[in-house]
């Protein structure tokens, strides 16, 4: 088990290693970096991952401009999915194990959710306004998104600017939407995706995105090899 420093900067997650700072992004199937490698070296554990300098034309230089934070690499699911992981933003800690983790051993109990996978990106089942949806789980997205417009009776909370790699920046109105997963409800700020992105998600079999807002006030366990995710029960229900 290794424990890395985790920071939350400009609504994005960053893992800090002795060799640089990496944005944690389950919405990215491929890792990229300036140095073309990632070294994890702590308490006798050492492993080097070879990564690309860009993915489909996207580079770290492009991403740092979009995010507004300087960092050295993007940590995608090609590496993340080799570990059991617990993210704890409040404690600024990211725990990783290559062996199967027992969350109860560190006092972690939560709402157990089934993880799916589409094109290397994890998915979750959600119920919104009585309708069942398959949603990408994307730690690189600050907000959640639905392909279909939220109910008109819900007034916008605020307008924000966001970005999607390969598409660029866009603005959207956010609405507080109740999303139910495995009989627990979560209130998330949810916006509308640009039409082209929404169409692309639909063609891939996804109805939208659940962003990292869901993990900003609770620990989250990510166990992709067991197709399971745990959301800490404390503060989960609304």
Protein backbone atom coordinates (compact mmCIF):
# COMPACT_ATOMS: atom_id res chain seq x y z
CA UNK A 1 0.00 0.00 0.00
CA UNK A 2 1.30 3.45 -0.89
CA UNK A 3 -0.13 6.82 0.11
CA UNK A 4 0.34 9.75 -2.27
CA UNK A 5 -0.43 13.39 -1.62
CA UNK A 6 -3.66 14.48 -3.32
CA UNK A 7 -4.68 18.10 -3.93
CA UNK A 8 -7.83 19.66 -5.34
CA UNK A 9 -6.93 22.70 -7.43
CA UNK A 10 -9.26 24.65 -9.68
CA UNK A 11 -11.80 21.80 -9.34
CA UNK A 12 -9.36 19.13 -10.51
CA UNK A 13 -7.56 16.31 -8.69
CA UNK A 14 -3.77 16.05 -8.65
CA UNK A 15 -1.55 13.24 -7.39
CA UNK A 16 1.92 14.35 -6.25
CA UNK A 17 4.90 12.05 -6.77
CA UNK A 18 8.62 12.57 -6.24
CA UNK A 19 8.82 12.96 -10.02
CA UNK A 20 6.00 15.42 -10.62
CA UNK A 21 2.35 16.34 -10.35
CA UNK A 22 -0.30 14.34 -12.20
CA UNK A 23 -3.95 15.15 -12.89
CA UNK A 24 -6.17 12.18 -11.95
CA UNK A 25 -8.69 11.58 -14.73
CA UNK A 26 -10.89 8.47 -14.96
CA UNK A 27 -12.43 10.07 -18.05
CA UNK A 28 -9.16 9.52 -19.95
CA UNK A 29 -8.40 6.01 -21.23
CA UNK A 30 -4.73 6.86 -21.87
CA UNK A 31 -2.13 8.51 -19.65
CA UNK A 32 0.19 11.17 -21.09
CA UNK A 33 3.13 13.12 -19.70
CA UNK A 34 5.92 15.49 -20.55
CA UNK A 35 8.55 12.92 -19.52
CA UNK A 36 6.85 9.87 -21.14
CA UNK A 37 6.97 7.89 -17.89
CA UNK A 38 5.51 7.71 -14.39
CA UNK A 39 7.56 6.35 -11.47
CA UNK A 40 5.88 5.26 -8.24
CA UNK A 41 8.53 4.74 -5.57
CA UNK A 42 7.58 4.51 -1.89
CA UNK A 43 8.20 2.20 1.09
CA UNK A 44 9.88 -0.49 -0.99
CA UNK A 45 7.33 -0.37 -3.81
CA UNK A 46 8.73 0.73 -7.14
CA UNK A 47 7.22 0.63 -10.58
CA UNK A 48 7.75 2.60 -13.75
CA UNK A 49 4.94 3.07 -16.27
CA UNK A 50 5.74 4.09 -19.82
CA UNK A 51 3.26 6.65 -21.17
CA UNK A 52 2.73 8.63 -24.34
CA UNK A 53 3.58 12.30 -24.80
CA UNK A 54 0.14 12.94 -26.32
CA UNK A 55 -3.13 11.17 -27.06
CA UNK A 56 -5.06 11.95 -30.23
CA UNK A 57 -3.25 15.28 -30.45
CA UNK A 58 -3.85 16.23 -26.81
CA UNK A 59 -0.70 17.17 -24.86
CA UNK A 60 0.07 18.30 -21.32
CA UNK A 61 0.80 21.78 -22.67
CA UNK A 62 -2.75 21.92 -24.07
CA UNK A 63 -4.24 20.69 -20.79
CA UNK A 64 -2.34 23.07 -18.52
CA UNK A 65 -3.64 25.97 -20.59
CA UNK A 66 -7.23 24.70 -20.25
CA UNK A 67 -7.04 23.82 -16.54
CA UNK A 68 -4.99 26.85 -15.48
CA UNK A 69 -2.66 24.72 -13.32
CA UNK A 70 0.88 23.61 -14.18
CA UNK A 71 1.32 19.85 -13.97
CA UNK A 72 3.49 17.12 -15.47
CA UNK A 73 1.18 14.32 -16.49
CA UNK A 74 -2.36 13.03 -16.93
CA UNK A 75 -3.13 9.81 -15.04
CA UNK A 76 -5.72 7.86 -17.02
CA UNK A 77 -7.47 4.53 -16.57
CA UNK A 78 -4.75 2.55 -18.36
CA UNK A 79 -2.75 3.00 -15.12
CA UNK A 80 -5.47 3.72 -12.55
CA UNK A 81 -7.30 0.48 -13.35
CA UNK A 82 -4.31 -1.60 -12.22
CA UNK A 83 -4.90 -0.53 -8.59
CA UNK A 84 -7.41 -0.50 -5.79
CA UNK A 85 -7.67 3.19 -4.82
CA UNK A 86 -9.17 5.35 -2.10
CA UNK A 87 -9.38 9.08 -2.72
CA UNK A 88 -9.74 11.38 0.29
CA UNK A 89 -9.75 15.04 -0.78
CA UNK A 90 -10.25 16.39 2.77
CA UNK A 91 -7.18 14.50 4.04
CA UNK A 92 -5.25 15.21 0.80
CA UNK A 93 -4.47 11.51 0.45
CA UNK A 94 -4.66 8.95 -2.36
CA UNK A 95 -4.08 5.35 -1.28
CA UNK A 96 -3.16 2.76 -3.91
CA UNK A 97 -2.63 -1.00 -3.67
CA UNK A 98 -1.91 -3.58 -6.36
CA UNK A 99 -3.27 -6.28 -4.05
CA UNK A 100 -6.98 -6.41 -3.23
CA UNK A 101 -7.82 -3.80 -0.58
CA UNK A 102 -10.15 -4.38 2.35
CA UNK A 103 -11.71 -0.93 2.98
CA UNK A 104 -13.02 -2.05 6.38
CA UNK A 105 -9.42 -2.43 7.58
CA UNK A 106 -9.09 1.36 7.44
CA UNK A 107 -12.57 2.04 8.79
CA UNK A 108 -14.18 2.77 5.44
CA UNK A 109 -17.79 1.75 4.80
CA UNK A 110 -19.88 3.06 1.95
CA UNK A 111 -22.59 2.77 -0.64
CA UNK A 112 -21.43 -0.03 -2.95
CA UNK A 113 -21.96 0.71 -6.64
CA UNK A 114 -21.42 -1.48 -9.68
CA UNK A 115 -18.81 -0.16 -12.11
CA UNK A 116 -19.17 -0.74 -15.82
CA UNK A 117 -16.76 0.20 -18.60
CA UNK A 118 -17.22 1.83 -21.99
CA UNK A 119 -14.14 2.42 -24.14
CA UNK A 120 -11.89 2.30 -21.07
CA UNK A 121 -13.96 4.80 -19.07
CA UNK A 122 -15.83 3.65 -15.93
CA UNK A 123 -19.62 3.89 -15.87
CA UNK A 124 -22.25 4.00 -13.12
CA UNK A 125 -25.97 3.26 -13.11
CA UNK A 126 -28.09 6.22 -11.96
CA UNK A 127 -31.78 7.04 -11.67
CA UNK A 128 -32.82 10.63 -12.41
CA UNK A 129 -36.46 11.71 -12.28
CA UNK A 130 -37.51 8.07 -12.42
CA UNK A 131 -35.44 7.32 -15.53
CA UNK A 132 -32.51 4.90 -15.55
CA UNK A 133 -29.23 6.12 -17.03
CA UNK A 134 -25.73 4.87 -17.75
CA UNK A 135 -23.28 7.63 -16.80
CA UNK A 136 -19.54 8.00 -17.25
CA UNK A 137 -17.69 8.48 -13.94
CA UNK A 138 -15.14 11.18 -14.76
CA UNK A 139 -12.82 12.52 -12.05
CA UNK A 140 -11.51 15.02 -14.61
CA UNK A 141 -14.92 16.74 -14.82
CA UNK A 142 -15.77 19.28 -12.09
CA UNK A 143 -19.51 19.08 -12.83
CA UNK A 144 -22.01 16.48 -13.94
CA UNK A 145 -23.78 16.51 -17.30
CA UNK A 146 -26.88 15.01 -18.88
CA UNK A 147 -27.44 14.43 -22.58
CA UNK A 148 -31.11 15.32 -22.15
CA UNK A 149 -32.01 18.74 -20.75
CA UNK A 150 -32.92 18.75 -17.04
CA UNK A 151 -36.57 19.35 -16.14
CA UNK A 152 -37.56 22.91 -17.02
CA UNK A 153 -39.04 23.48 -13.55
CA UNK A 154 -35.51 23.45 -12.09
CA UNK A 155 -34.07 26.95 -12.16
CA UNK A 156 -30.39 27.42 -12.97
CA UNK A 157 -28.09 27.82 -9.96
CA UNK A 158 -25.37 29.59 -11.91
CA UNK A 159 -23.63 29.78 -15.26
CA UNK A 160 -20.10 28.35 -15.50
CA UNK A 161 -17.37 27.93 -18.06
CA UNK A 162 -15.96 24.44 -18.50
CA UNK A 163 -13.91 22.62 -21.12
CA UNK A 164 -13.61 19.25 -22.78
CA UNK A 165 -10.32 18.13 -24.35
CA UNK A 166 -10.59 18.08 -28.11
CA UNK A 167 -13.59 20.40 -28.01
CA UNK A 168 -12.43 23.43 -26.02
CA UNK A 169 -14.28 25.71 -23.63
CA UNK A 170 -18.05 26.19 -23.39
CA UNK A 171 -20.56 27.74 -21.01
CA UNK A 172 -23.54 26.03 -19.42
CA UNK A 173 -26.23 26.66 -16.81
CA UNK A 174 -25.95 24.40 -13.77
CA UNK A 175 -29.00 23.01 -11.98
CA UNK A 176 -29.19 21.09 -8.71
CA UNK A 177 -30.29 17.59 -9.73
CA UNK A 178 -31.01 14.66 -7.41
CA UNK A 179 -29.28 11.51 -8.67
CA UNK A 180 -30.05 8.17 -7.07
CA UNK A 181 -27.55 5.33 -7.06
CA UNK A 182 -28.23 2.09 -5.22
CA UNK A 183 -31.02 3.62 -3.10
CA UNK A 184 -28.94 6.61 -1.95
CA UNK A 185 -29.49 10.11 -3.35
CA UNK A 186 -26.89 12.72 -4.19
CA UNK A 187 -27.46 16.37 -5.09
CA UNK A 188 -25.17 17.37 -7.95
CA UNK A 189 -24.70 20.52 -10.02
CA UNK A 190 -25.62 19.35 -13.50
CA UNK A 191 -25.23 21.12 -16.82
CA UNK A 192 -25.90 20.56 -20.52
CA UNK A 193 -23.20 19.30 -22.85
CA UNK A 194 -22.53 20.85 -26.26
CA UNK A 195 -24.58 19.05 -28.93
CA UNK A 196 -21.62 17.35 -30.63
CA UNK A 197 -20.29 15.98 -27.34
CA UNK A 198 -23.75 14.87 -26.25
CA UNK A 199 -24.21 13.01 -29.54
CA UNK A 200 -20.81 11.35 -29.15
CA UNK A 201 -21.67 10.14 -25.65
CA UNK A 202 -25.02 8.80 -26.82
CA UNK A 203 -23.39 6.87 -29.65
CA UNK A 204 -20.95 5.37 -27.11
CA UNK A 205 -23.86 4.26 -24.92
CA UNK A 206 -23.61 6.89 -22.18
CA UNK A 207 -26.35 9.27 -21.04
CA UNK A 208 -24.01 11.77 -19.41
CA UNK A 209 -21.20 12.32 -16.91
CA UNK A 210 -20.93 12.17 -13.13
CA UNK A 211 -18.09 14.52 -12.21
CA UNK A 212 -15.75 14.82 -9.25
CA UNK A 213 -18.18 16.98 -7.22
CA UNK A 214 -19.58 13.71 -5.86
CA UNK A 215 -16.26 13.01 -4.08
CA UNK A 216 -15.41 16.47 -2.73
CA UNK A 217 -17.09 15.88 0.66
CA UNK A 218 -16.61 12.13 1.11
CA UNK A 219 -14.04 9.41 0.62
CA UNK A 220 -14.39 7.34 -2.51
CA UNK A 221 -13.11 3.81 -3.10
CA UNK A 222 -12.38 2.81 -6.69
CA UNK A 223 -11.89 -0.91 -7.32
CA UNK A 224 -12.06 -1.39 -11.11
CA UNK A 225 -10.70 -4.96 -11.11
CA UNK A 226 -13.72 -5.95 -8.99
CA UNK A 227 -16.10 -3.68 -10.95
CA UNK A 228 -16.98 -1.91 -7.71
CA UNK A 229 -16.97 1.64 -6.31
CA UNK A 230 -17.66 2.72 -2.71
CA UNK A 231 -19.04 6.14 -1.80
CA UNK A 232 -18.64 6.92 1.89
CA UNK A 233 -22.03 6.89 3.59
CA UNK A 234 -21.37 9.93 5.76
CA UNK A 235 -22.84 13.02 4.05
CA UNK A 236 -24.14 10.95 1.15
CA UNK A 237 -27.87 11.00 1.75
CA UNK A 238 -29.93 14.14 1.16
